[in-house]
Amino acid sequence: MKNKRKYPRKFCSESSFFATRYGLHECFIKNIGNKGAFIETDLFLPEGNVVTVAVPSIKKNSSIKLKGKVVWTDQYGFGVEFREAIHF
């Protein structure tokens, strides 16, 4: 199966949070790239929902908040495409 992503992903398992219009939710960031991430969560979000993901930073006890759109979803979580590319 061919990878359709323009930007490579880094695998991880970071505990984090994301915000929706429904509130704040716990999650795990399972992989992340310059323009998106896979968010593992029990919460079902349909495609098109806007979320803000708190991505842990290198700095101790801080995070970067990235806004994006849910582009696909399954029983394990969802894929989010960030509005702006980030650089690691």
N, C-alpha and C. Protein backbone atom coordinates (compact mmCIF):
# COMPACT_ATOMS: atom_id res chain seq x y z
N MET A 1 0.85 -1.19 0.00
CA MET A 1 0.00 0.00 0.00
C MET A 1 0.89 1.25 0.00
N LYS A 2 0.63 2.16 -0.91
CA LYS A 2 1.43 3.37 -1.04
C LYS A 2 1.02 4.40 0.01
N ASN A 3 2.03 5.04 0.59
CA ASN A 3 1.79 6.11 1.56
C ASN A 3 1.41 7.38 0.79
N LYS A 4 0.24 7.93 1.05
CA LYS A 4 -0.25 9.11 0.34
C LYS A 4 0.21 10.42 0.98
N ARG A 5 0.93 10.35 2.08
CA ARG A 5 1.32 11.56 2.80
C ARG A 5 2.43 12.31 2.07
N LYS A 6 2.34 13.64 2.11
CA LYS A 6 3.39 14.50 1.56
C LYS A 6 4.54 14.63 2.53
N TYR A 7 4.24 14.53 3.83
CA TYR A 7 5.23 14.71 4.88
C TYR A 7 5.39 13.42 5.66
N PRO A 8 6.62 12.98 5.93
CA PRO A 8 6.81 11.74 6.70
C PRO A 8 6.32 11.90 8.13
N ARG A 9 5.99 10.78 8.75
CA ARG A 9 5.53 10.77 10.14
C ARG A 9 6.59 10.16 11.04
N LYS A 10 6.60 10.62 12.29
CA LYS A 10 7.45 10.04 13.33
C LYS A 10 6.53 9.30 14.29
N PHE A 11 6.86 8.05 14.58
CA PHE A 11 6.05 7.28 15.52
C PHE A 11 6.37 7.70 16.94
N CYS A 12 5.34 7.76 17.77
CA CYS A 12 5.50 8.14 19.17
C CYS A 12 4.31 7.60 19.94
N SER A 13 4.28 7.84 21.21
CA SER A 13 3.13 7.49 22.05
C SER A 13 3.09 8.49 23.19
N GLU A 14 2.78 9.73 22.85
CA GLU A 14 2.76 10.83 23.80
C GLU A 14 1.36 11.05 24.37
N SER A 15 1.26 11.04 25.69
CA SER A 15 0.00 11.39 26.34
C SER A 15 -0.24 12.88 26.14
N SER A 16 -1.47 13.23 25.78
CA SER A 16 -1.76 14.63 25.49
C SER A 16 -3.25 14.92 25.67
N PHE A 17 -3.66 16.08 25.18
CA PHE A 17 -5.05 16.52 25.21
C PHE A 17 -5.40 17.16 23.89
N PHE A 18 -6.68 17.15 23.56
CA PHE A 18 -7.15 17.93 22.43
C PHE A 18 -8.47 18.57 22.82
N ALA A 19 -8.75 19.70 22.21
CA ALA A 19 -9.97 20.44 22.50
C ALA A 19 -10.87 20.45 21.28
N THR A 20 -12.17 20.33 21.54
CA THR A 20 -13.21 20.45 20.51
C THR A 20 -14.25 21.41 21.04
N ARG A 21 -15.29 21.61 20.27
CA ARG A 21 -16.38 22.46 20.78
C ARG A 21 -17.11 21.78 21.92
N TYR A 22 -16.83 20.48 22.13
CA TYR A 22 -17.47 19.72 23.21
C TYR A 22 -16.67 19.74 24.51
N GLY A 23 -15.44 20.26 24.47
CA GLY A 23 -14.62 20.32 25.66
C GLY A 23 -13.21 19.80 25.44
N LEU A 24 -12.54 19.48 26.55
CA LEU A 24 -11.15 19.01 26.54
C LEU A 24 -11.15 17.50 26.72
N HIS A 25 -10.31 16.78 25.96
CA HIS A 25 -10.31 15.32 25.96
C HIS A 25 -8.88 14.78 26.02
N GLU A 26 -8.70 13.69 26.76
CA GLU A 26 -7.40 13.03 26.83
C GLU A 26 -7.17 12.21 25.57
N CYS A 27 -5.90 12.05 25.20
CA CYS A 27 -5.58 11.25 24.02
C CYS A 27 -4.12 10.81 24.07
N PHE A 28 -3.74 10.02 23.09
CA PHE A 28 -2.34 9.69 22.83
C PHE A 28 -2.05 10.10 21.39
N ILE A 29 -0.94 10.79 21.19
CA ILE A 29 -0.47 11.08 19.85
C ILE A 29 0.39 9.90 19.45
N LYS A 30 -0.07 9.13 18.46
CA LYS A 30 0.62 7.89 18.08
C LYS A 30 1.65 8.11 16.98
N ASN A 31 1.43 9.08 16.11
CA ASN A 31 2.44 9.49 15.15
C ASN A 31 2.17 10.94 14.76
N ILE A 32 3.24 11.62 14.33
CA ILE A 32 3.11 13.04 14.03
C ILE A 32 4.07 13.40 12.91
N GLY A 33 3.63 14.33 12.08
CA GLY A 33 4.45 14.84 10.99
C GLY A 33 4.28 16.35 10.91
N ASN A 34 4.91 16.93 9.92
CA ASN A 34 4.87 18.38 9.77
C ASN A 34 3.47 18.93 9.55
N LYS A 35 2.59 18.13 8.99
CA LYS A 35 1.27 18.65 8.63
C LYS A 35 0.11 17.86 9.23
N GLY A 36 0.41 16.86 10.11
CA GLY A 36 -0.69 16.11 10.70
C GLY A 36 -0.25 15.10 11.73
N ALA A 37 -1.25 14.40 12.30
CA ALA A 37 -0.97 13.41 13.34
C ALA A 37 -2.12 12.41 13.42
N PHE A 38 -1.82 11.25 14.02
CA PHE A 38 -2.87 10.30 14.38
C PHE A 38 -3.10 10.44 15.86
N ILE A 39 -4.35 10.68 16.23
CA ILE A 39 -4.75 10.89 17.63
C ILE A 39 -5.56 9.67 18.07
N GLU A 40 -5.04 8.95 19.06
CA GLU A 40 -5.76 7.80 19.61
C GLU A 40 -6.67 8.28 20.73
N THR A 41 -7.96 7.98 20.61
CA THR A 41 -8.95 8.42 21.59
C THR A 41 -10.20 7.55 21.50
N ASP A 42 -10.96 7.53 22.58
CA ASP A 42 -12.24 6.81 22.58
C ASP A 42 -13.37 7.66 22.02
N LEU A 43 -13.13 8.95 21.89
CA LEU A 43 -14.16 9.87 21.41
C LEU A 43 -14.28 9.80 19.89
N PHE A 44 -15.48 9.57 19.39
CA PHE A 44 -15.69 9.57 17.95
C PHE A 44 -15.93 10.99 17.47
N LEU A 45 -15.14 11.43 16.50
CA LEU A 45 -15.33 12.73 15.88
C LEU A 45 -15.48 12.55 14.38
N PRO A 46 -16.56 12.99 13.79
CA PRO A 46 -16.72 12.87 12.34
C PRO A 46 -15.71 13.75 11.59
N GLU A 47 -15.44 13.37 10.35
CA GLU A 47 -14.57 14.16 9.49
C GLU A 47 -15.09 15.59 9.40
N GLY A 48 -14.16 16.52 9.33
CA GLY A 48 -14.53 17.93 9.20
C GLY A 48 -14.52 18.69 10.50
N ASN A 49 -14.56 18.00 11.65
CA ASN A 49 -14.52 18.68 12.94
C ASN A 49 -13.18 19.39 13.12
N VAL A 50 -13.22 20.56 13.74
CA VAL A 50 -12.01 21.31 14.04
C VAL A 50 -11.57 20.97 15.46
N VAL A 51 -10.27 20.70 15.61
CA VAL A 51 -9.70 20.37 16.92
C VAL A 51 -8.44 21.20 17.14
N THR A 52 -8.08 21.37 18.41
CA THR A 52 -6.80 21.95 18.78
C THR A 52 -6.08 20.91 19.60
N VAL A 53 -4.91 20.50 19.12
CA VAL A 53 -4.13 19.44 19.77
C VAL A 53 -2.95 20.06 20.52
N ALA A 54 -2.75 19.63 21.75
CA ALA A 54 -1.60 20.07 22.54
C ALA A 54 -0.46 19.07 22.29
N VAL A 55 0.54 19.51 21.54
CA VAL A 55 1.68 18.66 21.21
C VAL A 55 2.80 18.95 22.22
N PRO A 56 3.24 17.94 22.97
CA PRO A 56 4.30 18.16 23.95
C PRO A 56 5.54 18.77 23.30
N SER A 57 6.13 19.74 23.98
CA SER A 57 7.30 20.45 23.49
C SER A 57 8.56 19.89 24.14
N ILE A 58 9.69 20.24 23.56
CA ILE A 58 10.98 19.84 24.13
C ILE A 58 11.17 20.51 25.49
N LYS A 59 10.65 21.73 25.62
CA LYS A 59 10.74 22.45 26.90
C LYS A 59 9.92 21.73 27.95
N LYS A 60 10.45 21.65 29.14
CA LYS A 60 9.79 20.94 30.23
C LYS A 60 8.43 21.57 30.56
N ASN A 61 7.42 20.71 30.70
CA ASN A 61 6.07 21.10 31.09
C ASN A 61 5.42 22.14 30.17
N SER A 62 5.68 22.04 28.86
CA SER A 62 5.02 22.96 27.94
C SER A 62 4.55 22.19 26.71
N SER A 63 3.67 22.82 25.96
CA SER A 63 3.17 22.19 24.75
C SER A 63 2.89 23.26 23.70
N ILE A 64 2.82 22.80 22.46
CA ILE A 64 2.46 23.67 21.35
C ILE A 64 1.03 23.33 20.99
N LYS A 65 0.20 24.32 20.85
CA LYS A 65 -1.20 24.09 20.50
C LYS A 65 -1.39 24.29 19.00
N LEU A 66 -1.84 23.21 18.34
CA LEU A 66 -2.00 23.23 16.89
C LEU A 66 -3.45 23.00 16.52
N LYS A 67 -3.98 23.89 15.70
CA LYS A 67 -5.36 23.75 15.23
C LYS A 67 -5.36 22.98 13.92
N GLY A 68 -6.36 22.12 13.77
CA GLY A 68 -6.46 21.34 12.55
C GLY A 68 -7.86 20.79 12.35
N LYS A 69 -7.98 19.99 11.28
CA LYS A 69 -9.27 19.42 10.89
C LYS A 69 -9.17 17.90 10.86
N VAL A 70 -10.20 17.24 11.36
CA VAL A 70 -10.27 15.78 11.30
C VAL A 70 -10.49 15.39 9.83
N VAL A 71 -9.55 14.60 9.29
CA VAL A 71 -9.64 14.22 7.87
C VAL A 71 -10.04 12.76 7.68
N TRP A 72 -9.90 11.94 8.69
CA TRP A 72 -10.41 10.56 8.66
C TRP A 72 -10.57 10.08 10.09
N THR A 73 -11.36 9.04 10.26
CA THR A 73 -11.62 8.52 11.59
C THR A 73 -11.82 7.01 11.52
N ASP A 74 -11.49 6.31 12.61
CA ASP A 74 -11.77 4.87 12.72
C ASP A 74 -12.06 4.55 14.18
N GLN A 75 -12.14 3.28 14.52
CA GLN A 75 -12.51 2.89 15.89
C GLN A 75 -11.42 3.20 16.91
N TYR A 76 -10.21 3.56 16.47
CA TYR A 76 -9.11 3.83 17.39
C TYR A 76 -8.87 5.32 17.61
N GLY A 77 -9.37 6.16 16.72
CA GLY A 77 -9.11 7.59 16.83
C GLY A 77 -9.33 8.29 15.51
N PHE A 78 -8.50 9.31 15.25
CA PHE A 78 -8.67 10.08 14.02
C PHE A 78 -7.36 10.66 13.53
N GLY A 79 -7.35 10.98 12.26
CA GLY A 79 -6.23 11.69 11.66
C GLY A 79 -6.57 13.16 11.58
N VAL A 80 -5.63 14.00 11.98
CA VAL A 80 -5.85 15.44 11.94
C VAL A 80 -4.83 16.06 10.99
N GLU A 81 -5.30 16.99 10.17
CA GLU A 81 -4.42 17.76 9.30
C GLU A 81 -4.30 19.15 9.90
N PHE A 82 -3.06 19.54 10.25
CA PHE A 82 -2.83 20.86 10.85
C PHE A 82 -3.02 21.96 9.83
N ARG A 83 -3.50 23.10 10.28
CA ARG A 83 -3.67 24.25 9.38
C ARG A 83 -2.35 24.78 8.89
N GLU A 84 -1.34 24.73 9.76
CA GLU A 84 0.00 25.20 9.40
C GLU A 84 1.00 24.09 9.65
N ALA A 85 1.99 24.00 8.79
CA ALA A 85 3.03 22.98 8.96
C ALA A 85 3.91 23.34 10.16
N ILE A 86 4.34 22.31 10.87
CA ILE A 86 5.27 22.49 11.98
C ILE A 86 6.60 21.86 11.56
N HIS A 87 7.67 22.28 12.20
CA HIS A 87 9.00 21.75 11.88
C HIS A 87 9.64 21.24 13.15
N PHE A 88 10.14 20.04 13.07
CA PHE A 88 10.77 19.39 14.24
C PHE A 88 12.23 19.73 14.29
